[in-house]
Amino acid sequence: MPDLEALLKSESSVRDIVLDLRHLKLVDRGAVRFLASREGAGTELRNCSAYIREWITQEKNAIQRSETETQQVSRVGEYICGL
């Protein structure tokens, strides 16, 4: 996947990227995280099966929750240091 990621990054500055996932039937968590990050970067995912779409959504939500928790911990640390 590193080669695909490098190719997509180099092409995304030149044109819009669309990935047709019609024939994608089996994925692992790494692939789902990759697809979620690409979609977050503006890549359009077409013909994504329902279970993969749901998994991508769950992965994005988990990333957002983690970022929110990190920000909250950072604010608490800043508050404590400022006392």
PDB file of N, CA and C in Angstrom:
ATOM      1  N   MET A   1       0.794  -1.209   0.000  1.00  0.00           N
ATOM      2  CA  MET A   1       0.000   0.000   0.000  1.00  0.00           C
ATOM      3  C   MET A   1       0.836   1.272   0.000  1.00  0.00           C
ATOM      4  N   PRO A   2       2.067   1.241   0.463  1.00  0.00           N
ATOM      5  CA  PRO A   2       2.856   2.473   0.432  1.00  0.00           C
ATOM      6  C   PRO A   2       3.020   3.035  -0.984  1.00  0.00           C
ATOM      7  N   ASP A   3       3.168   2.138  -1.976  1.00  0.00           N
ATOM      8  CA  ASP A   3       3.313   2.607  -3.351  1.00  0.00           C
ATOM      9  C   ASP A   3       2.041   3.291  -3.838  1.00  0.00           C
ATOM     10  N   LEU A   4       0.891   2.693  -3.519  1.00  0.00           N
ATOM     11  CA  LEU A   4      -0.392   3.279  -3.907  1.00  0.00           C
ATOM     12  C   LEU A   4      -0.585   4.626  -3.226  1.00  0.00           C
ATOM     13  N   GLU A   5      -0.247   4.694  -1.951  1.00  0.00           N
ATOM     14  CA  GLU A   5      -0.387   5.952  -1.213  1.00  0.00           C
ATOM     15  C   GLU A   5       0.500   7.048  -1.808  1.00  0.00           C
ATOM     16  N   ALA A   6       1.720   6.709  -2.157  1.00  0.00           N
ATOM     17  CA  ALA A   6       2.629   7.682  -2.766  1.00  0.00           C
ATOM     18  C   ALA A   6       2.087   8.162  -4.107  1.00  0.00           C
ATOM     19  N   LEU A   7       1.566   7.239  -4.904  1.00  0.00           N
ATOM     20  CA  LEU A   7       0.991   7.603  -6.200  1.00  0.00           C
ATOM     21  C   LEU A   7      -0.207   8.532  -6.025  1.00  0.00           C
ATOM     22  N   LEU A   8      -1.100   8.196  -5.109  1.00  0.00           N
ATOM     23  CA  LEU A   8      -2.288   9.026  -4.888  1.00  0.00           C
ATOM     24  C   LEU A   8      -1.917  10.410  -4.383  1.00  0.00           C
ATOM     25  N   LYS A   9      -0.934  10.491  -3.508  1.00  0.00           N
ATOM     26  CA  LYS A   9      -0.505  11.801  -3.009  1.00  0.00           C
ATOM     27  C   LYS A   9       0.084  12.652  -4.122  1.00  0.00           C
ATOM     28  N   SER A  10       0.857  12.025  -5.009  1.00  0.00           N
ATOM     29  CA  SER A  10       1.469  12.799  -6.087  1.00  0.00           C
ATOM     30  C   SER A  10       0.433  13.257  -7.104  1.00  0.00           C
ATOM     31  N   GLU A  11      -0.597  12.470  -7.329  1.00  0.00           N
ATOM     32  CA  GLU A  11      -1.630  12.808  -8.307  1.00  0.00           C
ATOM     33  C   GLU A  11      -2.683  13.751  -7.755  1.00  0.00           C
ATOM     34  N   SER A  12      -2.905  13.740  -6.450  1.00  0.00           N
ATOM     35  CA  SER A  12      -4.000  14.530  -5.871  1.00  0.00           C
ATOM     36  C   SER A  12      -3.789  16.028  -6.014  1.00  0.00           C
ATOM     37  N   SER A  13      -2.543  16.460  -6.162  1.00  0.00           N
ATOM     38  CA  SER A  13      -2.304  17.893  -6.344  1.00  0.00           C
ATOM     39  C   SER A  13      -2.601  18.325  -7.777  1.00  0.00           C
ATOM     40  N   VAL A  14      -2.639  17.365  -8.691  1.00  0.00           N
ATOM     41  CA  VAL A  14      -2.854  17.654 -10.100  1.00  0.00           C
ATOM     42  C   VAL A  14      -4.323  17.511 -10.490  1.00  0.00           C
ATOM     43  N   ARG A  15      -5.011  16.547  -9.900  1.00  0.00           N
ATOM     44  CA  ARG A  15      -6.407  16.269 -10.276  1.00  0.00           C
ATOM     45  C   ARG A  15      -7.162  15.615  -9.132  1.00  0.00           C
ATOM     46  N   ASP A  16      -8.489  15.574  -9.271  1.00  0.00           N
ATOM     47  CA  ASP A  16      -9.322  14.885  -8.294  1.00  0.00           C
ATOM     48  C   ASP A  16      -9.129  13.379  -8.448  1.00  0.00           C
ATOM     49  N   ILE A  17      -9.087  12.682  -7.325  1.00  0.00           N
ATOM     50  CA  ILE A  17      -8.875  11.238  -7.338  1.00  0.00           C
ATOM     51  C   ILE A  17     -10.187  10.538  -6.992  1.00  0.00           C
ATOM     52  N   VAL A  18     -10.499   9.492  -7.757  1.00  0.00           N
ATOM     53  CA  VAL A  18     -11.673   8.660  -7.511  1.00  0.00           C
ATOM     54  C   VAL A  18     -11.200   7.215  -7.465  1.00  0.00           C
ATOM     55  N   LEU A  19     -11.549   6.500  -6.403  1.00  0.00           N
ATOM     56  CA  LEU A  19     -11.249   5.074  -6.307  1.00  0.00           C
ATOM     57  C   LEU A  19     -12.556   4.305  -6.462  1.00  0.00           C
ATOM     58  N   ASP A  20     -12.614   3.429  -7.457  1.00  0.00           N
ATOM     59  CA  ASP A  20     -13.788   2.583  -7.661  1.00  0.00           C
ATOM     60  C   ASP A  20     -13.549   1.284  -6.903  1.00  0.00           C
ATOM     61  N   LEU A  21     -14.333   1.058  -5.873  1.00  0.00           N
ATOM     62  CA  LEU A  21     -14.147  -0.094  -4.988  1.00  0.00           C
ATOM     63  C   LEU A  21     -15.112  -1.224  -5.299  1.00  0.00           C
ATOM     64  N   ARG A  22     -15.675  -1.222  -6.490  1.00  0.00           N
ATOM     65  CA  ARG A  22     -16.690  -2.205  -6.882  1.00  0.00           C
ATOM     66  C   ARG A  22     -16.229  -3.639  -6.631  1.00  0.00           C
ATOM     67  N   HIS A  23     -14.997  -3.960  -6.926  1.00  0.00           N
ATOM     68  CA  HIS A  23     -14.516  -5.334  -6.813  1.00  0.00           C
ATOM     69  C   HIS A  23     -13.805  -5.623  -5.488  1.00  0.00           C
ATOM     70  N   LEU A  24     -13.796  -4.654  -4.616  1.00  0.00           N
ATOM     71  CA  LEU A  24     -13.162  -4.838  -3.306  1.00  0.00           C
ATOM     72  C   LEU A  24     -14.147  -5.533  -2.368  1.00  0.00           C
ATOM     73  N   LYS A  25     -13.819  -6.728  -1.953  1.00  0.00           N
ATOM     74  CA  LYS A  25     -14.739  -7.526  -1.132  1.00  0.00           C
ATOM     75  C   LYS A  25     -14.207  -7.819   0.259  1.00  0.00           C
ATOM     76  N   LEU A  26     -12.899  -7.833   0.418  1.00  0.00           N
ATOM     77  CA  LEU A  26     -12.312  -8.213   1.690  1.00  0.00           C
ATOM     78  C   LEU A  26     -11.208  -7.218   2.038  1.00  0.00           C
ATOM     79  N   VAL A  27     -11.264  -6.653   3.236  1.00  0.00           N
ATOM     80  CA  VAL A  27     -10.270  -5.688   3.686  1.00  0.00           C
ATOM     81  C   VAL A  27      -9.870  -5.994   5.123  1.00  0.00           C
ATOM     82  N   ASP A  28      -8.719  -5.462   5.510  1.00  0.00           N
ATOM     83  CA  ASP A  28      -8.318  -5.537   6.908  1.00  0.00           C
ATOM     84  C   ASP A  28      -8.346  -4.121   7.480  1.00  0.00           C
ATOM     85  N   ARG A  29      -8.033  -4.013   8.741  1.00  0.00           N
ATOM     86  CA  ARG A  29      -8.130  -2.712   9.404  1.00  0.00           C
ATOM     87  C   ARG A  29      -7.178  -1.688   8.789  1.00  0.00           C
ATOM     88  N   GLY A  30      -6.001  -2.132   8.385  1.00  0.00           N
ATOM     89  CA  GLY A  30      -5.049  -1.225   7.745  1.00  0.00           C
ATOM     90  C   GLY A  30      -5.615  -0.634   6.465  1.00  0.00           C
ATOM     91  N   ALA A  31      -6.277  -1.471   5.678  1.00  0.00           N
ATOM     92  CA  ALA A  31      -6.886  -0.993   4.431  1.00  0.00           C
ATOM     93  C   ALA A  31      -8.009  -0.012   4.720  1.00  0.00           C
ATOM     94  N   VAL A  32      -8.796  -0.293   5.738  1.00  0.00           N
ATOM     95  CA  VAL A  32      -9.894   0.604   6.103  1.00  0.00           C
ATOM     96  C   VAL A  32      -9.346   1.943   6.578  1.00  0.00           C
ATOM     97  N   ARG A  33      -8.304   1.920   7.378  1.00  0.00           N
ATOM     98  CA  ARG A  33      -7.684   3.174   7.829  1.00  0.00           C
ATOM     99  C   ARG A  33      -7.124   3.965   6.652  1.00  0.00           C
ATOM    100  N   PHE A  34      -6.517   3.254   5.695  1.00  0.00           N
ATOM    101  CA  PHE A  34      -5.995   3.894   4.494  1.00  0.00           C
ATOM    102  C   PHE A  34      -7.131   4.560   3.723  1.00  0.00           C
ATOM    103  N   LEU A  35      -8.226   3.830   3.502  1.00  0.00           N
ATOM    104  CA  LEU A  35      -9.365   4.389   2.760  1.00  0.00           C
ATOM    105  C   LEU A  35      -9.972   5.580   3.503  1.00  0.00           C
ATOM    106  N   ALA A  36     -10.078   5.479   4.812  1.00  0.00           N
ATOM    107  CA  ALA A  36     -10.623   6.587   5.607  1.00  0.00           C
ATOM    108  C   ALA A  36      -9.735   7.822   5.494  1.00  0.00           C
ATOM    109  N   SER A  37      -8.432   7.621   5.541  1.00  0.00           N
ATOM    110  CA  SER A  37      -7.524   8.776   5.441  1.00  0.00           C
ATOM    111  C   SER A  37      -7.559   9.380   4.043  1.00  0.00           C
ATOM    112  N   ARG A  38      -7.659   8.542   3.019  1.00  0.00           N
ATOM    113  CA  ARG A  38      -7.739   9.057   1.649  1.00  0.00           C
ATOM    114  C   ARG A  38      -9.032   9.831   1.452  1.00  0.00           C
ATOM    115  N   GLU A  39     -10.126   9.311   1.967  1.00  0.00           N
ATOM    116  CA  GLU A  39     -11.393  10.025   1.834  1.00  0.00           C
ATOM    117  C   GLU A  39     -11.322  11.353   2.572  1.00  0.00           C
ATOM    118  N   GLY A  40     -10.702  11.353   3.734  1.00  0.00           N
ATOM    119  CA  GLY A  40     -10.520  12.588   4.485  1.00  0.00           C
ATOM    120  C   GLY A  40      -9.668  13.606   3.742  1.00  0.00           C
ATOM    121  N   ALA A  41      -8.787  13.116   2.857  1.00  0.00           N
ATOM    122  CA  ALA A  41      -7.915  13.990   2.073  1.00  0.00           C
ATOM    123  C   ALA A  41      -8.564  14.418   0.759  1.00  0.00           C
ATOM    124  N   GLY A  42      -9.824  13.977   0.544  1.00  0.00           N
ATOM    125  CA  GLY A  42     -10.543  14.428  -0.643  1.00  0.00           C
ATOM    126  C   GLY A  42     -10.742  13.400  -1.735  1.00  0.00           C
ATOM    127  N   THR A  43     -10.213  12.198  -1.567  1.00  0.00           N
ATOM    128  CA  THR A  43     -10.423  11.145  -2.560  1.00  0.00           C
ATOM    129  C   THR A  43     -11.863  10.665  -2.482  1.00  0.00           C
ATOM    130  N   GLU A  44     -12.496  10.524  -3.637  1.00  0.00           N
ATOM    131  CA  GLU A  44     -13.872  10.018  -3.683  1.00  0.00           C
ATOM    132  C   GLU A  44     -13.833   8.497  -3.746  1.00  0.00           C
ATOM    133  N   LEU A  45     -14.611   7.852  -2.874  1.00  0.00           N
ATOM    134  CA  LEU A  45     -14.713   6.392  -2.868  1.00  0.00           C
ATOM    135  C   LEU A  45     -16.049   6.018  -3.495  1.00  0.00           C
ATOM    136  N   ARG A  46     -15.990   5.372  -4.661  1.00  0.00           N
ATOM    137  CA  ARG A  46     -17.214   4.979  -5.362  1.00  0.00           C
ATOM    138  C   ARG A  46     -17.449   3.483  -5.232  1.00  0.00           C
ATOM    139  N   ASN A  47     -18.729   3.116  -5.268  1.00  0.00           N
ATOM    140  CA  ASN A  47     -19.146   1.707  -5.259  1.00  0.00           C
ATOM    141  C   ASN A  47     -18.564   0.938  -4.081  1.00  0.00           C
ATOM    142  N   CYS A  48     -18.573   1.573  -2.936  1.00  0.00           N
ATOM    143  CA  CYS A  48     -18.057   0.972  -1.708  1.00  0.00           C
ATOM    144  C   CYS A  48     -19.154   0.103  -1.100  1.00  0.00           C
ATOM    145  N   SER A  49     -18.834  -1.158  -0.783  1.00  0.00           N
ATOM    146  CA  SER A  49     -19.842  -2.038  -0.202  1.00  0.00           C
ATOM    147  C   SER A  49     -20.282  -1.484   1.159  1.00  0.00           C
ATOM    148  N   ALA A  50     -21.475  -1.865   1.559  1.00  0.00           N
ATOM    149  CA  ALA A  50     -22.070  -1.322   2.790  1.00  0.00           C
ATOM    150  C   ALA A  50     -21.217  -1.615   4.022  1.00  0.00           C
ATOM    151  N   TYR A  51     -20.680  -2.841   4.097  1.00  0.00           N
ATOM    152  CA  TYR A  51     -19.913  -3.164   5.306  1.00  0.00           C
ATOM    153  C   TYR A  51     -18.594  -2.398   5.356  1.00  0.00           C
ATOM    154  N   ILE A  52     -17.965  -2.193   4.205  1.00  0.00           N
ATOM    155  CA  ILE A  52     -16.723  -1.420   4.179  1.00  0.00           C
ATOM    156  C   ILE A  52     -17.019   0.045   4.486  1.00  0.00           C
ATOM    157  N   ARG A  53     -18.087   0.579   3.935  1.00  0.00           N
ATOM    158  CA  ARG A  53     -18.492   1.966   4.203  1.00  0.00           C
ATOM    159  C   ARG A  53     -18.740   2.157   5.694  1.00  0.00           C
ATOM    160  N   GLU A  54     -19.448   1.225   6.319  1.00  0.00           N
ATOM    161  CA  GLU A  54     -19.727   1.321   7.758  1.00  0.00           C
ATOM    162  C   GLU A  54     -18.428   1.270   8.557  1.00  0.00           C
ATOM    163  N   TRP A  55     -17.531   0.399   8.180  1.00  0.00           N
ATOM    164  CA  TRP A  55     -16.254   0.269   8.889  1.00  0.00           C
ATOM    165  C   TRP A  55     -15.440   1.551   8.746  1.00  0.00           C
ATOM    166  N   ILE A  56     -15.428   2.136   7.556  1.00  0.00           N
ATOM    167  CA  ILE A  56     -14.722   3.407   7.338  1.00  0.00           C
ATOM    168  C   ILE A  56     -15.313   4.485   8.244  1.00  0.00           C
ATOM    169  N   THR A  57     -16.634   4.548   8.305  1.00  0.00           N
ATOM    170  CA  THR A  57     -17.313   5.533   9.158  1.00  0.00           C
ATOM    171  C   THR A  57     -16.932   5.341  10.617  1.00  0.00           C
ATOM    172  N   GLN A  58     -16.935   4.097  11.076  1.00  0.00           N
ATOM    173  CA  GLN A  58     -16.549   3.812  12.468  1.00  0.00           C
ATOM    174  C   GLN A  58     -15.100   4.208  12.727  1.00  0.00           C
ATOM    175  N   GLU A  59     -14.235   3.939  11.772  1.00  0.00           N
ATOM    176  CA  GLU A  59     -12.821   4.285  11.931  1.00  0.00           C
ATOM    177  C   GLU A  59     -12.640   5.803  12.002  1.00  0.00           C
ATOM    178  N   LYS A  60     -13.342   6.535  11.145  1.00  0.00           N
ATOM    179  CA  LYS A  60     -13.277   8.006  11.176  1.00  0.00           C
ATOM    180  C   LYS A  60     -13.776   8.538  12.520  1.00  0.00           C
ATOM    181  N   ASN A  61     -14.870   7.976  13.013  1.00  0.00           N
ATOM    182  CA  ASN A  61     -15.411   8.408  14.304  1.00  0.00           C
ATOM    183  C   ASN A  61     -14.425   8.126  15.431  1.00  0.00           C
ATOM    184  N   ALA A  62     -13.758   6.991  15.379  1.00  0.00           N
ATOM    185  CA  ALA A  62     -12.766   6.653  16.412  1.00  0.00           C
ATOM    186  C   ALA A  62     -11.599   7.628  16.368  1.00  0.00           C
ATOM    187  N   ILE A  63     -11.170   8.006  15.170  1.00  0.00           N
ATOM    188  CA  ILE A  63     -10.080   8.970  15.031  1.00  0.00           C
ATOM    189  C   ILE A  63     -10.496  10.319  15.598  1.00  0.00           C
ATOM    190  N   GLN A  64     -11.716  10.749  15.298  1.00  0.00           N
ATOM    191  CA  GLN A  64     -12.208  12.034  15.812  1.00  0.00           C
ATOM    192  C   GLN A  64     -12.301  12.013  17.327  1.00  0.00           C
ATOM    193  N   ARG A  65     -12.790  10.900  17.898  1.00  0.00           N
ATOM    194  CA  ARG A  65     -12.880  10.795  19.364  1.00  0.00           C
ATOM    195  C   ARG A  65     -11.488  10.868  19.979  1.00  0.00           C
ATOM    196  N   SER A  66     -10.543  10.198  19.374  1.00  0.00           N
ATOM    197  CA  SER A  66      -9.174  10.199  19.883  1.00  0.00           C
ATOM    198  C   SER A  66      -8.573  11.594  19.837  1.00  0.00           C
ATOM    199  N   GLU A  67      -8.802  12.309  18.737  1.00  0.00           N
ATOM    200  CA  GLU A  67      -8.286  13.682  18.622  1.00  0.00           C
ATOM    201  C   GLU A  67      -8.933  14.594  19.657  1.00  0.00           C
ATOM    202  N   THR A  68     -10.230  14.426  19.879  1.00  0.00           N
ATOM    203  CA  THR A  68     -10.939  15.235  20.876  1.00  0.00           C
ATOM    204  C   THR A  68     -10.390  14.965  22.270  1.00  0.00           C
ATOM    205  N   GLU A  69     -10.174  13.688  22.591  1.00  0.00           N
ATOM    206  CA  GLU A  69      -9.633  13.337  23.905  1.00  0.00           C
ATOM    207  C   GLU A  69      -8.227  13.899  24.086  1.00  0.00           C
ATOM    208  N   THR A  70      -7.424  13.847  23.035  1.00  0.00           N
ATOM    209  CA  THR A  70      -6.066  14.390  23.101  1.00  0.00           C
ATOM    210  C   THR A  70      -6.097  15.891  23.360  1.00  0.00           C
ATOM    211  N   GLN A  71      -6.998  16.594  22.687  1.00  0.00           N
ATOM    212  CA  GLN A  71      -7.135  18.038  22.895  1.00  0.00           C
ATOM    213  C   GLN A  71      -7.573  18.345  24.315  1.00  0.00           C
ATOM    214  N   GLN A  72      -8.500  17.551  24.855  1.00  0.00           N
ATOM    215  CA  GLN A  72      -8.978  17.780  26.220  1.00  0.00           C
ATOM    216  C   GLN A  72      -7.866  17.550  27.231  1.00  0.00           C
ATOM    217  N   VAL A  73      -7.086  16.502  27.038  1.00  0.00           N
ATOM    218  CA  VAL A  73      -5.969  16.214  27.939  1.00  0.00           C
ATOM    219  C   VAL A  73      -4.945  17.339  27.871  1.00  0.00           C
ATOM    220  N   SER A  74      -4.711  17.848  26.677  1.00  0.00           N
ATOM    221  CA  SER A  74      -3.764  18.946  26.505  1.00  0.00           C
ATOM    222  C   SER A  74      -4.237  20.189  27.254  1.00  0.00           C
ATOM    223  N   ARG A  75      -5.536  20.483  27.143  1.00  0.00           N
ATOM    224  CA  ARG A  75      -6.079  21.655  27.848  1.00  0.00           C
ATOM    225  C   ARG A  75      -5.974  21.497  29.361  1.00  0.00           C
ATOM    226  N   VAL A  76      -6.236  20.293  29.856  1.00  0.00           N
ATOM    227  CA  VAL A  76      -6.124  20.042  31.295  1.00  0.00           C
ATOM    228  C   VAL A  76      -4.678  20.231  31.731  1.00  0.00           C
ATOM    229  N   GLY A  77      -3.741  19.705  30.921  1.00  0.00           N
ATOM    230  CA  GLY A  77      -2.332  19.872  31.248  1.00  0.00           C
ATOM    231  C   GLY A  77      -1.925  21.328  31.264  1.00  0.00           C
ATOM    232  N   GLU A  78      -2.408  22.121  30.321  1.00  0.00           N
ATOM    233  CA  GLU A  78      -2.107  23.554  30.288  1.00  0.00           C
ATOM    234  C   GLU A  78      -2.687  24.249  31.520  1.00  0.00           C
ATOM    235  N   TYR A  79      -3.886  23.852  31.926  1.00  0.00           N
ATOM    236  CA  TYR A  79      -4.527  24.446  33.087  1.00  0.00           C
ATOM    237  C   TYR A  79      -3.719  24.132  34.360  1.00  0.00           C
ATOM    238  N   ILE A  80      -3.331  22.853  34.483  1.00  0.00           N
ATOM    239  CA  ILE A  80      -2.586  22.452  35.669  1.00  0.00           C
ATOM    240  C   ILE A  80      -1.245  23.163  35.726  1.00  0.00           C
ATOM    241  N   CYS A  81      -0.563  23.279  34.604  1.00  0.00           N
ATOM    242  CA  CYS A  81       0.737  23.951  34.561  1.00  0.00           C
ATOM    243  C   CYS A  81       0.603  25.454  34.862  1.00  0.00           C
ATOM    244  N   GLY A  82      -0.561  25.995  34.544  1.00  0.00           N
ATOM    245  CA  GLY A  82      -0.770  27.424  34.755  1.00  0.00           C
ATOM    246  C   GLY A  82      -1.162  27.776  36.187  1.00  0.00           C
ATOM    247  N   LEU A  83      -1.409  26.768  37.007  1.00  0.00           N
ATOM    248  CA  LEU A  83      -1.811  27.057  38.391  1.00  0.00           C
ATOM    249  C   LEU A  83      -0.711  27.588  39.197  1.00  0.00           C
TER     250      LEU A  83
END
